[in-house]
Amino acid sequence: MALAIPDNRIATLYRHYANALMALYDENEAKALARLVFDELLGISSAYLLAEPNHLLTESEILTVHFAFKDLLKGKPIQYITGKAYFRGLVLHVEEGVLIPRPETEELVGIIIDDFKHKEGAQILDVGTGSGCIPISLAMEIKNAKLYATDIMDHALGVAKENAEKYRCNIQFLKNNILEQACWHALPGNIEALVSNPPYVLESEKRDMHRNVVDFEPPEALFVTDEDPLIFYRAIARAAQTILIPGGKLYFEINEKLGKETAHLLKEAGYNDVMIMNDLRGKQRFIKAILP
C-alpha cells in the first residue's frame, strides 16, 4: 500500500485508511479497526478524532499508523499489531504464535467462576493455556485458587508467564504434551477442576474462516483433522481421570457441530452429569462433566 495521502490531518488519515480496510471488512468493522489503531498506537481516542479533526500528525506518527494499516490490509489481526488482547477486563500481551483469546472463552471462564466462587483454595488445571487468559482470570476471581497451566509450546508459555506476572498471579506453568500418555505423570494431582479450550476447528472448516485467522494464528492451537476431530478431548478426558479428585469437574470449549459426539465420548469414558451448554449466540459451545 503506497503512502499516498493528501495531508497529515487525523481526519484525513482516518478516512483514508478506513476506506482502504473496507476491501477486507464491512464498513462498521473497518471503521472500528481504524479507530483502534489511532487509539492503541498513538493514544488518539475516538472522541479526540471527532473533536479535533484538523490535528496534524508528525511524520513519525504517520509512519506508525501507515505500517500498522499495511499489516491490517495483509490480514494480520489487530491484536498482533497492538500486542494487546482484552479478556474479562484484563489487558493481555499476545504476539504471533500465541492464540488470540475469544469472547466464547470468556463465557467458559464465567461458568467455572460461577461453580467455584464460594469455594476457597480450589485446585484448577488449564490444559493448552496459550496466552494464559483462563488461569489468570480464574486466579483473579476465585479466592486463593491454586492454578496450574500447561502448553506444548515454549513460546506460548513465555507469553502466559509474562501475563501472569503482570497481574501478580501465582500460577504454576508446565510444558506438557497431553496427547502423550507418558507425559501425564508430570501433571499435578488432587485437581478439582480441569479446563481446556483445545484445538477443535476441522481442517475442512478453514475455507469458511477469515484469512486473519488462517494465515496468522497458530494452526496447532486451532485445527484438527476431520478424521479424528476429538483427539484432544479423548486424551484430556483420559488424563483427567488420573488427576481429578472424585467429584472433580471437567470443562471444555467445543466445536458447535460436535456437541453430541463430545458428550458421548465423555459418557463412554465414565463421566457423569455430562451437560452441553450454549454460548450467548445460541451455539453448543461448552461441555461440563463430573468424575464419579
C-alpha atoms as a PDB file:
ATOM      1  CA  MET A   1       0.000   0.000   0.000  1.00  0.00           C
ATOM      2  CA  ALA A   2       1.571   3.253  -1.128  1.00  0.00           C
ATOM      3  CA  LEU A   3       1.753   6.131   1.329  1.00  0.00           C
ATOM      4  CA  ALA A   4      -0.478   8.457  -0.715  1.00  0.00           C
ATOM      5  CA  ILE A   5      -2.460  10.853   1.458  1.00  0.00           C
ATOM      6  CA  PRO A   6      -3.382  14.458   0.655  1.00  0.00           C
ATOM      7  CA  ASP A   7      -2.440  15.910   4.066  1.00  0.00           C
ATOM      8  CA  ASN A   8      -1.489  14.908   7.592  1.00  0.00           C
ATOM      9  CA  ARG A   9      -4.707  15.813   9.422  1.00  0.00           C
ATOM     10  CA  ILE A  10      -6.008  12.969  11.600  1.00  0.00           C
ATOM     11  CA  ALA A  11      -9.448  13.139   9.961  1.00  0.00           C
ATOM     12  CA  THR A  12      -7.887  12.712   6.517  1.00  0.00           C
ATOM     13  CA  LEU A  13      -5.762   9.770   7.554  1.00  0.00           C
ATOM     14  CA  TYR A  14      -8.622   8.120   9.397  1.00  0.00           C
ATOM     15  CA  ARG A  15     -10.901   8.296   6.329  1.00  0.00           C
ATOM     16  CA  HIS A  16      -8.112   7.154   4.020  1.00  0.00           C
ATOM     17  CA  TYR A  17      -7.286   4.024   5.988  1.00  0.00           C
ATOM     18  CA  ALA A  18     -10.864   3.197   6.986  1.00  0.00           C
ATOM     19  CA  ASN A  19     -11.818   3.253   3.292  1.00  0.00           C
ATOM     20  CA  ALA A  20      -8.831   1.037   2.439  1.00  0.00           C
ATOM     21  CA  LEU A  21      -9.872  -1.522   5.074  1.00  0.00           C
ATOM     22  CA  MET A  22     -13.315  -1.851   3.510  1.00  0.00           C
ATOM     23  CA  ALA A  23     -11.678  -4.058   0.900  1.00  0.00           C
ATOM     24  CA  LEU A  24     -11.388  -6.731   3.629  1.00  0.00           C
ATOM     25  CA  TYR A  25     -14.001  -5.817   6.238  1.00  0.00           C
ATOM     26  CA  ASP A  26     -17.519  -4.434   6.305  1.00  0.00           C
ATOM     27  CA  GLU A  27     -17.853  -0.699   6.877  1.00  0.00           C
ATOM     28  CA  ASN A  28     -18.505  -0.801  10.619  1.00  0.00           C
ATOM     29  CA  GLU A  29     -15.636  -3.199  11.323  1.00  0.00           C
ATOM     30  CA  ALA A  30     -13.258  -1.240   9.080  1.00  0.00           C
ATOM     31  CA  LYS A  31     -14.037   1.995  10.914  1.00  0.00           C
ATOM     32  CA  ALA A  32     -13.724   0.312  14.301  1.00  0.00           C
ATOM     33  CA  LEU A  33     -10.316  -1.109  13.385  1.00  0.00           C
ATOM     34  CA  ALA A  34      -9.145   2.284  12.116  1.00  0.00           C
ATOM     35  CA  ARG A  35     -10.212   3.961  15.362  1.00  0.00           C
ATOM     36  CA  LEU A  36      -8.479   1.223  17.365  1.00  0.00           C
ATOM     37  CA  VAL A  37      -5.163   1.787  15.557  1.00  0.00           C
ATOM     38  CA  PHE A  38      -5.222   5.503  16.328  1.00  0.00           C
ATOM     39  CA  ASP A  39      -6.198   4.849  19.929  1.00  0.00           C
ATOM     40  CA  GLU A  40      -3.790   1.997  20.726  1.00  0.00           C
ATOM     41  CA  LEU A  41      -0.732   3.165  18.798  1.00  0.00           C
ATOM     42  CA  LEU A  42      -0.992   6.945  19.065  1.00  0.00           C
ATOM     43  CA  GLY A  43      -3.236   7.480  22.082  1.00  0.00           C
ATOM     44  CA  ILE A  44      -5.757   9.359  19.943  1.00  0.00           C
ATOM     45  CA  SER A  45      -9.250   8.461  21.144  1.00  0.00           C
ATOM     46  CA  SER A  46     -12.408   8.380  19.063  1.00  0.00           C
ATOM     47  CA  ALA A  47     -13.632  11.418  20.963  1.00  0.00           C
ATOM     48  CA  TYR A  48     -10.473  13.333  20.057  1.00  0.00           C
ATOM     49  CA  LEU A  49     -10.848  12.302  16.409  1.00  0.00           C
ATOM     50  CA  LEU A  50     -14.277  13.896  16.372  1.00  0.00           C
ATOM     51  CA  ALA A  51     -13.338  16.959  18.419  1.00  0.00           C
ATOM     52  CA  GLU A  52     -10.019  17.786  16.718  1.00  0.00           C
ATOM     53  CA  PRO A  53     -10.223  16.566  13.102  1.00  0.00           C
ATOM     54  CA  ASN A  54      -7.613  19.071  11.953  1.00  0.00           C
ATOM     55  CA  HIS A  55      -4.947  17.931  14.430  1.00  0.00           C
ATOM     56  CA  LEU A  56      -1.731  17.393  12.478  1.00  0.00           C
ATOM     57  CA  LEU A  57       0.249  14.189  12.862  1.00  0.00           C
ATOM     58  CA  THR A  58       4.027  14.149  12.827  1.00  0.00           C
ATOM     59  CA  GLU A  59       5.927  12.214  10.187  1.00  0.00           C
ATOM     60  CA  SER A  60       6.804   9.582  12.769  1.00  0.00           C
ATOM     61  CA  GLU A  61       3.136   9.173  13.762  1.00  0.00           C
ATOM     62  CA  ILE A  62       2.085   8.900  10.133  1.00  0.00           C
ATOM     63  CA  LEU A  63       4.630   6.138   9.542  1.00  0.00           C
ATOM     64  CA  THR A  64       3.480   4.306  12.673  1.00  0.00           C
ATOM     65  CA  VAL A  65      -0.146   4.140  11.527  1.00  0.00           C
ATOM     66  CA  HIS A  66       0.835   3.503   7.913  1.00  0.00           C
ATOM     67  CA  PHE A  67       2.758   0.342   8.713  1.00  0.00           C
ATOM     68  CA  ALA A  68       0.008  -0.795  11.069  1.00  0.00           C
ATOM     69  CA  PHE A  69      -2.592  -0.419   8.334  1.00  0.00           C
ATOM     70  CA  LYS A  70      -0.271  -2.061   5.844  1.00  0.00           C
ATOM     71  CA  ASP A  71      -0.241  -5.142   8.112  1.00  0.00           C
ATOM     72  CA  LEU A  72      -4.014  -4.978   8.592  1.00  0.00           C
ATOM     73  CA  LEU A  73      -4.525  -4.989   4.841  1.00  0.00           C
ATOM     74  CA  LYS A  74      -2.446  -8.167   4.654  1.00  0.00           C
ATOM     75  CA  GLY A  75      -4.936  -9.713   7.060  1.00  0.00           C
ATOM     76  CA  LYS A  76      -2.805  -9.535  10.202  1.00  0.00           C
ATOM     77  CA  PRO A  77      -5.019  -9.451  13.322  1.00  0.00           C
ATOM     78  CA  ILE A  78      -5.166  -6.141  15.127  1.00  0.00           C
ATOM     79  CA  GLN A  79      -4.183  -7.890  18.374  1.00  0.00           C
ATOM     80  CA  TYR A  80      -0.828  -8.909  16.888  1.00  0.00           C
ATOM     81  CA  ILE A  81      -0.250  -5.360  15.691  1.00  0.00           C
ATOM     82  CA  THR A  82      -1.015  -3.683  19.016  1.00  0.00           C
ATOM     83  CA  GLY A  83       0.288  -6.596  21.091  1.00  0.00           C
ATOM     84  CA  LYS A  84      -2.866  -6.489  23.203  1.00  0.00           C
ATOM     85  CA  ALA A  85      -5.916  -8.678  23.703  1.00  0.00           C
ATOM     86  CA  TYR A  86      -8.774  -7.838  26.047  1.00  0.00           C
ATOM     87  CA  PHE A  87     -10.247 -10.624  28.174  1.00  0.00           C
ATOM     88  CA  ARG A  88     -12.682 -10.238  31.067  1.00  0.00           C
ATOM     89  CA  GLY A  89     -11.348  -6.789  31.854  1.00  0.00           C
ATOM     90  CA  LEU A  90      -7.714  -7.847  31.559  1.00  0.00           C
ATOM     91  CA  VAL A  91      -5.250  -6.468  29.011  1.00  0.00           C
ATOM     92  CA  LEU A  92      -3.093  -9.403  27.967  1.00  0.00           C
ATOM     93  CA  HIS A  93       0.011  -9.416  25.834  1.00  0.00           C
ATOM     94  CA  VAL A  94      -0.279 -11.508  22.677  1.00  0.00           C
ATOM     95  CA  GLU A  95       2.001 -11.952  19.711  1.00  0.00           C
ATOM     96  CA  GLU A  96       2.258 -14.162  16.658  1.00  0.00           C
ATOM     97  CA  GLY A  97       2.470 -17.820  17.620  1.00  0.00           C
ATOM     98  CA  VAL A  98       0.017 -17.388  20.510  1.00  0.00           C
ATOM     99  CA  LEU A  99      -3.725 -17.859  20.050  1.00  0.00           C
ATOM    100  CA  ILE A 100      -5.805 -14.704  20.449  1.00  0.00           C
ATOM    101  CA  PRO A 101      -8.373 -15.130  23.264  1.00  0.00           C
ATOM    102  CA  ARG A 102     -12.004 -15.285  22.128  1.00  0.00           C
ATOM    103  CA  PRO A 103     -15.226 -13.980  23.719  1.00  0.00           C
ATOM    104  CA  GLU A 104     -16.562 -17.535  23.924  1.00  0.00           C
ATOM    105  CA  THR A 105     -13.681 -18.468  26.202  1.00  0.00           C
ATOM    106  CA  GLU A 106     -14.664 -15.584  28.475  1.00  0.00           C
ATOM    107  CA  GLU A 107     -18.026 -17.319  28.820  1.00  0.00           C
ATOM    108  CA  LEU A 108     -16.317 -20.619  29.674  1.00  0.00           C
ATOM    109  CA  VAL A 109     -14.358 -18.904  32.430  1.00  0.00           C
ATOM    110  CA  GLY A 110     -17.595 -17.402  33.723  1.00  0.00           C
ATOM    111  CA  ILE A 111     -19.145 -20.874  34.027  1.00  0.00           C
ATOM    112  CA  ILE A 112     -16.221 -22.081  36.144  1.00  0.00           C
ATOM    113  CA  ILE A 113     -16.271 -18.980  38.325  1.00  0.00           C
ATOM    114  CA  ASP A 114     -19.986 -19.474  38.990  1.00  0.00           C
ATOM    115  CA  ASP A 115     -19.262 -23.041  40.141  1.00  0.00           C
ATOM    116  CA  PHE A 116     -16.292 -22.152  42.365  1.00  0.00           C
ATOM    117  CA  LYS A 117     -16.880 -18.585  43.546  1.00  0.00           C
ATOM    118  CA  HIS A 118     -17.892 -19.776  47.014  1.00  0.00           C
ATOM    119  CA  LYS A 119     -15.077 -22.321  47.323  1.00  0.00           C
ATOM    120  CA  GLU A 120     -11.746 -21.090  48.626  1.00  0.00           C
ATOM    121  CA  GLY A 121      -8.457 -22.645  47.543  1.00  0.00           C
ATOM    122  CA  ALA A 122      -9.722 -24.730  44.628  1.00  0.00           C
ATOM    123  CA  GLN A 123      -7.035 -26.562  42.636  1.00  0.00           C
ATOM    124  CA  ILE A 124      -7.597 -25.993  38.922  1.00  0.00           C
ATOM    125  CA  LEU A 125      -5.636 -27.076  35.840  1.00  0.00           C
ATOM    126  CA  ASP A 126      -5.841 -25.444  32.405  1.00  0.00           C
ATOM    127  CA  VAL A 127      -4.633 -27.631  29.538  1.00  0.00           C
ATOM    128  CA  GLY A 128      -3.401 -25.718  26.466  1.00  0.00           C
ATOM    129  CA  THR A 129      -3.171 -22.334  28.148  1.00  0.00           C
ATOM    130  CA  GLY A 130      -1.945 -20.184  25.232  1.00  0.00           C
ATOM    131  CA  SER A 131      -1.815 -16.584  26.487  1.00  0.00           C
ATOM    132  CA  GLY A 132      -2.771 -17.718  29.990  1.00  0.00           C
ATOM    133  CA  CYS A 133      -6.139 -15.975  29.761  1.00  0.00           C
ATOM    134  CA  ILE A 134      -8.065 -18.768  31.518  1.00  0.00           C
ATOM    135  CA  PRO A 135      -5.901 -19.396  34.617  1.00  0.00           C
ATOM    136  CA  ILE A 136      -5.146 -15.702  35.102  1.00  0.00           C
ATOM    137  CA  SER A 137      -8.858 -14.849  35.061  1.00  0.00           C
ATOM    138  CA  LEU A 138      -9.613 -17.696  37.467  1.00  0.00           C
ATOM    139  CA  ALA A 139      -6.793 -16.634  39.777  1.00  0.00           C
ATOM    140  CA  MET A 140      -8.177 -13.100  39.834  1.00  0.00           C
ATOM    141  CA  GLU A 141     -11.751 -14.139  40.586  1.00  0.00           C
ATOM    142  CA  ILE A 142     -11.629 -17.317  42.714  1.00  0.00           C
ATOM    143  CA  LYS A 143     -10.294 -16.709  46.212  1.00  0.00           C
ATOM    144  CA  ASN A 144      -6.953 -18.356  46.950  1.00  0.00           C
ATOM    145  CA  ALA A 145      -7.293 -20.728  43.989  1.00  0.00           C
ATOM    146  CA  LYS A 146      -4.251 -22.850  43.200  1.00  0.00           C
ATOM    147  CA  LEU A 147      -3.769 -22.685  39.439  1.00  0.00           C
ATOM    148  CA  TYR A 148      -1.750 -24.861  37.108  1.00  0.00           C
ATOM    149  CA  ALA A 149      -1.472 -24.438  33.343  1.00  0.00           C
ATOM    150  CA  THR A 150       0.147 -26.458  30.573  1.00  0.00           C
ATOM    151  CA  ASP A 151       1.083 -25.895  26.973  1.00  0.00           C
ATOM    152  CA  ILE A 152       3.243 -27.738  24.480  1.00  0.00           C
ATOM    153  CA  MET A 153       4.753 -24.530  23.075  1.00  0.00           C
ATOM    154  CA  ASP A 154       7.624 -22.759  24.868  1.00  0.00           C
ATOM    155  CA  HIS A 155       6.677 -19.518  23.148  1.00  0.00           C
ATOM    156  CA  ALA A 156       3.120 -19.613  24.485  1.00  0.00           C
ATOM    157  CA  LEU A 157       4.318 -20.480  27.988  1.00  0.00           C
ATOM    158  CA  GLY A 158       6.653 -17.486  27.930  1.00  0.00           C
ATOM    159  CA  VAL A 159       3.811 -15.128  26.999  1.00  0.00           C
ATOM    160  CA  ALA A 160       1.489 -16.706  29.584  1.00  0.00           C
ATOM    161  CA  LYS A 161       4.113 -16.287  32.320  1.00  0.00           C
ATOM    162  CA  GLU A 162       4.594 -12.644  31.334  1.00  0.00           C
ATOM    163  CA  ASN A 163       0.846 -12.032  31.587  1.00  0.00           C
ATOM    164  CA  ALA A 164       0.624 -13.816  34.938  1.00  0.00           C
ATOM    165  CA  GLU A 165       3.484 -11.736  36.326  1.00  0.00           C
ATOM    166  CA  LYS A 166       1.754  -8.549  35.160  1.00  0.00           C
ATOM    167  CA  TYR A 167      -1.283  -9.399  37.286  1.00  0.00           C
ATOM    168  CA  ARG A 168       0.771 -10.938  40.114  1.00  0.00           C
ATOM    169  CA  CYS A 169      -0.904 -14.315  39.735  1.00  0.00           C
ATOM    170  CA  ASN A 170       0.836 -17.304  41.275  1.00  0.00           C
ATOM    171  CA  ILE A 171       0.321 -19.896  38.542  1.00  0.00           C
ATOM    172  CA  GLN A 172       2.497 -22.937  38.020  1.00  0.00           C
ATOM    173  CA  PHE A 173       3.175 -23.336  34.294  1.00  0.00           C
ATOM    174  CA  LEU A 174       4.257 -26.693  32.877  1.00  0.00           C
ATOM    175  CA  LYS A 175       5.395 -27.756  29.433  1.00  0.00           C
ATOM    176  CA  ASN A 176       3.373 -30.848  28.642  1.00  0.00           C
ATOM    177  CA  ASN A 177       2.070 -32.750  25.625  1.00  0.00           C
ATOM    178  CA  ILE A 178      -1.368 -34.001  26.654  1.00  0.00           C
ATOM    179  CA  LEU A 179      -1.501 -36.340  23.649  1.00  0.00           C
ATOM    180  CA  GLU A 180       1.425 -38.327  25.039  1.00  0.00           C
ATOM    181  CA  GLN A 181       0.309 -40.619  27.840  1.00  0.00           C
ATOM    182  CA  ALA A 182       3.871 -40.796  29.108  1.00  0.00           C
ATOM    183  CA  CYS A 183       3.600 -37.075  29.978  1.00  0.00           C
ATOM    184  CA  TRP A 184       0.555 -37.437  32.225  1.00  0.00           C
ATOM    185  CA  HIS A 185       2.627 -38.399  35.267  1.00  0.00           C
ATOM    186  CA  ALA A 186       4.030 -34.850  35.326  1.00  0.00           C
ATOM    187  CA  LEU A 187       0.581 -33.308  35.763  1.00  0.00           C
ATOM    188  CA  PRO A 188      -0.415 -32.136  39.249  1.00  0.00           C
ATOM    189  CA  GLY A 189      -2.777 -34.315  41.276  1.00  0.00           C
ATOM    190  CA  ASN A 190      -5.798 -33.653  43.514  1.00  0.00           C
ATOM    191  CA  ILE A 191      -7.277 -31.395  40.859  1.00  0.00           C
ATOM    192  CA  GLU A 192     -10.831 -30.192  41.491  1.00  0.00           C
ATOM    193  CA  ALA A 193     -11.431 -28.776  38.024  1.00  0.00           C
ATOM    194  CA  LEU A 194      -9.722 -29.313  34.698  1.00  0.00           C
ATOM    195  CA  VAL A 195     -10.495 -26.841  31.931  1.00  0.00           C
ATOM    196  CA  SER A 196      -9.411 -26.835  28.313  1.00  0.00           C
ATOM    197  CA  ASN A 197     -10.082 -24.963  25.118  1.00  0.00           C
ATOM    198  CA  PRO A 198      -8.245 -27.420  22.853  1.00  0.00           C
ATOM    199  CA  PRO A 199      -7.937 -27.328  19.067  1.00  0.00           C
ATOM    200  CA  TYR A 200     -11.356 -28.184  17.640  1.00  0.00           C
ATOM    201  CA  VAL A 201     -11.755 -26.455  14.270  1.00  0.00           C
ATOM    202  CA  LEU A 202     -11.963 -29.006  11.449  1.00  0.00           C
ATOM    203  CA  GLU A 203      -9.461 -28.722   8.613  1.00  0.00           C
ATOM    204  CA  SER A 204     -12.446 -28.624   6.250  1.00  0.00           C
ATOM    205  CA  GLU A 205     -13.750 -25.516   8.031  1.00  0.00           C
ATOM    206  CA  LYS A 206     -10.701 -23.471   7.054  1.00  0.00           C
ATOM    207  CA  ARG A 207     -12.316 -22.424   3.792  1.00  0.00           C
ATOM    208  CA  ASP A 208     -15.069 -20.609   5.701  1.00  0.00           C
ATOM    209  CA  MET A 209     -12.712 -18.714   8.004  1.00  0.00           C
ATOM    210  CA  HIS A 210     -11.269 -15.230   7.632  1.00  0.00           C
ATOM    211  CA  ARG A 211      -7.706 -15.011   6.387  1.00  0.00           C
ATOM    212  CA  ASN A 212      -6.595 -13.160   9.517  1.00  0.00           C
ATOM    213  CA  VAL A 213      -7.163 -16.417  11.413  1.00  0.00           C
ATOM    214  CA  VAL A 214      -5.986 -18.962   8.854  1.00  0.00           C
ATOM    215  CA  ASP A 215      -2.890 -17.070   7.720  1.00  0.00           C
ATOM    216  CA  PHE A 216      -1.666 -15.699  11.039  1.00  0.00           C
ATOM    217  CA  GLU A 217      -2.828 -17.591  14.120  1.00  0.00           C
ATOM    218  CA  PRO A 218      -1.005 -20.775  15.181  1.00  0.00           C
ATOM    219  CA  PRO A 219      -2.620 -23.725  13.364  1.00  0.00           C
ATOM    220  CA  GLU A 220      -1.561 -26.171  16.080  1.00  0.00           C
ATOM    221  CA  ALA A 221      -3.801 -24.261  18.509  1.00  0.00           C
ATOM    222  CA  LEU A 222      -6.804 -24.260  16.192  1.00  0.00           C
ATOM    223  CA  PHE A 223      -7.137 -27.172  13.808  1.00  0.00           C
ATOM    224  CA  VAL A 224      -7.773 -30.905  13.973  1.00  0.00           C
ATOM    225  CA  THR A 225      -8.238 -33.422  11.213  1.00  0.00           C
ATOM    226  CA  ASP A 226     -11.709 -34.280  10.007  1.00  0.00           C
ATOM    227  CA  GLU A 227     -10.789 -37.943  10.511  1.00  0.00           C
ATOM    228  CA  ASP A 228     -10.194 -37.592  14.278  1.00  0.00           C
ATOM    229  CA  PRO A 229     -11.649 -34.280  15.456  1.00  0.00           C
ATOM    230  CA  LEU A 230     -11.974 -35.329  19.102  1.00  0.00           C
ATOM    231  CA  ILE A 231      -8.372 -36.430  19.546  1.00  0.00           C
ATOM    232  CA  PHE A 232      -7.665 -33.817  22.237  1.00  0.00           C
ATOM    233  CA  TYR A 233     -10.931 -34.393  24.105  1.00  0.00           C
ATOM    234  CA  ARG A 234     -10.271 -38.122  24.248  1.00  0.00           C
ATOM    235  CA  ALA A 235      -6.740 -37.639  25.599  1.00  0.00           C
ATOM    236  CA  ILE A 236      -7.695 -34.958  28.104  1.00  0.00           C
ATOM    237  CA  ALA A 237     -10.666 -36.963  29.387  1.00  0.00           C
ATOM    238  CA  ARG A 238      -8.402 -39.961  29.979  1.00  0.00           C
ATOM    239  CA  ALA A 239      -5.658 -37.878  31.574  1.00  0.00           C
ATOM    240  CA  ALA A 240      -8.183 -36.148  33.808  1.00  0.00           C
ATOM    241  CA  GLN A 241      -9.222 -39.497  35.256  1.00  0.00           C
ATOM    242  CA  THR A 242      -5.717 -39.838  36.692  1.00  0.00           C
ATOM    243  CA  ILE A 243      -5.575 -36.412  38.376  1.00  0.00           C
ATOM    244  CA  LEU A 244      -9.125 -35.279  39.225  1.00  0.00           C
ATOM    245  CA  ILE A 245     -10.437 -35.939  42.706  1.00  0.00           C
ATOM    246  CA  PRO A 246     -13.722 -37.911  42.972  1.00  0.00           C
ATOM    247  CA  GLY A 247     -16.425 -35.417  42.050  1.00  0.00           C
ATOM    248  CA  GLY A 248     -13.891 -33.318  40.149  1.00  0.00           C
ATOM    249  CA  LYS A 249     -15.222 -31.345  37.206  1.00  0.00           C
ATOM    250  CA  LEU A 250     -14.152 -31.255  33.583  1.00  0.00           C
ATOM    251  CA  TYR A 251     -14.878 -28.177  31.452  1.00  0.00           C
ATOM    252  CA  PHE A 252     -14.407 -27.953  27.686  1.00  0.00           C
ATOM    253  CA  GLU A 253     -14.939 -25.434  24.936  1.00  0.00           C
ATOM    254  CA  ILE A 254     -16.149 -27.410  21.905  1.00  0.00           C
ATOM    255  CA  ASN A 255     -16.924 -27.318  18.207  1.00  0.00           C
ATOM    256  CA  GLU A 256     -20.573 -26.339  17.886  1.00  0.00           C
ATOM    257  CA  LYS A 257     -21.096 -29.138  15.329  1.00  0.00           C
ATOM    258  CA  LEU A 258     -19.719 -31.866  17.601  1.00  0.00           C
ATOM    259  CA  GLY A 259     -21.620 -31.401  20.841  1.00  0.00           C
ATOM    260  CA  LYS A 260     -23.382 -34.770  20.798  1.00  0.00           C
ATOM    261  CA  GLU A 261     -20.226 -36.602  19.769  1.00  0.00           C
ATOM    262  CA  THR A 262     -18.169 -34.962  22.523  1.00  0.00           C
ATOM    263  CA  ALA A 263     -20.836 -35.686  25.131  1.00  0.00           C
ATOM    264  CA  HIS A 264     -20.970 -39.324  24.008  1.00  0.00           C
ATOM    265  CA  LEU A 265     -17.185 -39.603  24.319  1.00  0.00           C
ATOM    266  CA  LEU A 266     -17.306 -38.353  27.919  1.00  0.00           C
ATOM    267  CA  LYS A 267     -20.170 -40.654  28.879  1.00  0.00           C
ATOM    268  CA  GLU A 268     -18.357 -43.627  27.357  1.00  0.00           C
ATOM    269  CA  ALA A 269     -15.263 -42.647  29.346  1.00  0.00           C
ATOM    270  CA  GLY A 270     -17.303 -42.943  32.544  1.00  0.00           C
ATOM    271  CA  TYR A 271     -18.115 -39.315  33.361  1.00  0.00           C
ATOM    272  CA  ASN A 272     -21.412 -38.384  34.992  1.00  0.00           C
ATOM    273  CA  ASP A 273     -23.746 -35.409  34.627  1.00  0.00           C
ATOM    274  CA  VAL A 274     -22.459 -34.562  31.151  1.00  0.00           C
ATOM    275  CA  MET A 275     -24.021 -31.251  30.185  1.00  0.00           C
ATOM    276  CA  ILE A 276     -23.840 -29.375  26.874  1.00  0.00           C
ATOM    277  CA  MET A 277     -24.201 -25.593  27.230  1.00  0.00           C
ATOM    278  CA  ASN A 278     -24.841 -22.895  24.649  1.00  0.00           C
ATOM    279  CA  ASP A 279     -22.882 -19.698  24.214  1.00  0.00           C
ATOM    280  CA  LEU A 280     -24.520 -16.276  24.017  1.00  0.00           C
ATOM    281  CA  ARG A 281     -25.164 -16.793  20.297  1.00  0.00           C
ATOM    282  CA  GLY A 282     -27.119 -19.975  20.986  1.00  0.00           C
ATOM    283  CA  LYS A 283     -24.371 -22.297  19.697  1.00  0.00           C
ATOM    284  CA  GLN A 284     -23.428 -25.502  21.508  1.00  0.00           C
ATOM    285  CA  ARG A 285     -20.047 -24.320  22.779  1.00  0.00           C
ATOM    286  CA  PHE A 286     -19.283 -25.831  26.196  1.00  0.00           C
ATOM    287  CA  ILE A 287     -19.451 -29.167  27.995  1.00  0.00           C
ATOM    288  CA  LYS A 288     -19.233 -29.844  31.707  1.00  0.00           C
ATOM    289  CA  ALA A 289     -18.851 -33.320  33.219  1.00  0.00           C
ATOM    290  CA  ILE A 290     -18.130 -34.821  36.630  1.00  0.00           C
ATOM    291  CA  LEU A 291     -15.763 -37.655  37.506  1.00  0.00           C
ATOM    292  CA  PRO A 292     -17.511 -40.218  39.766  1.00  0.00           C
END
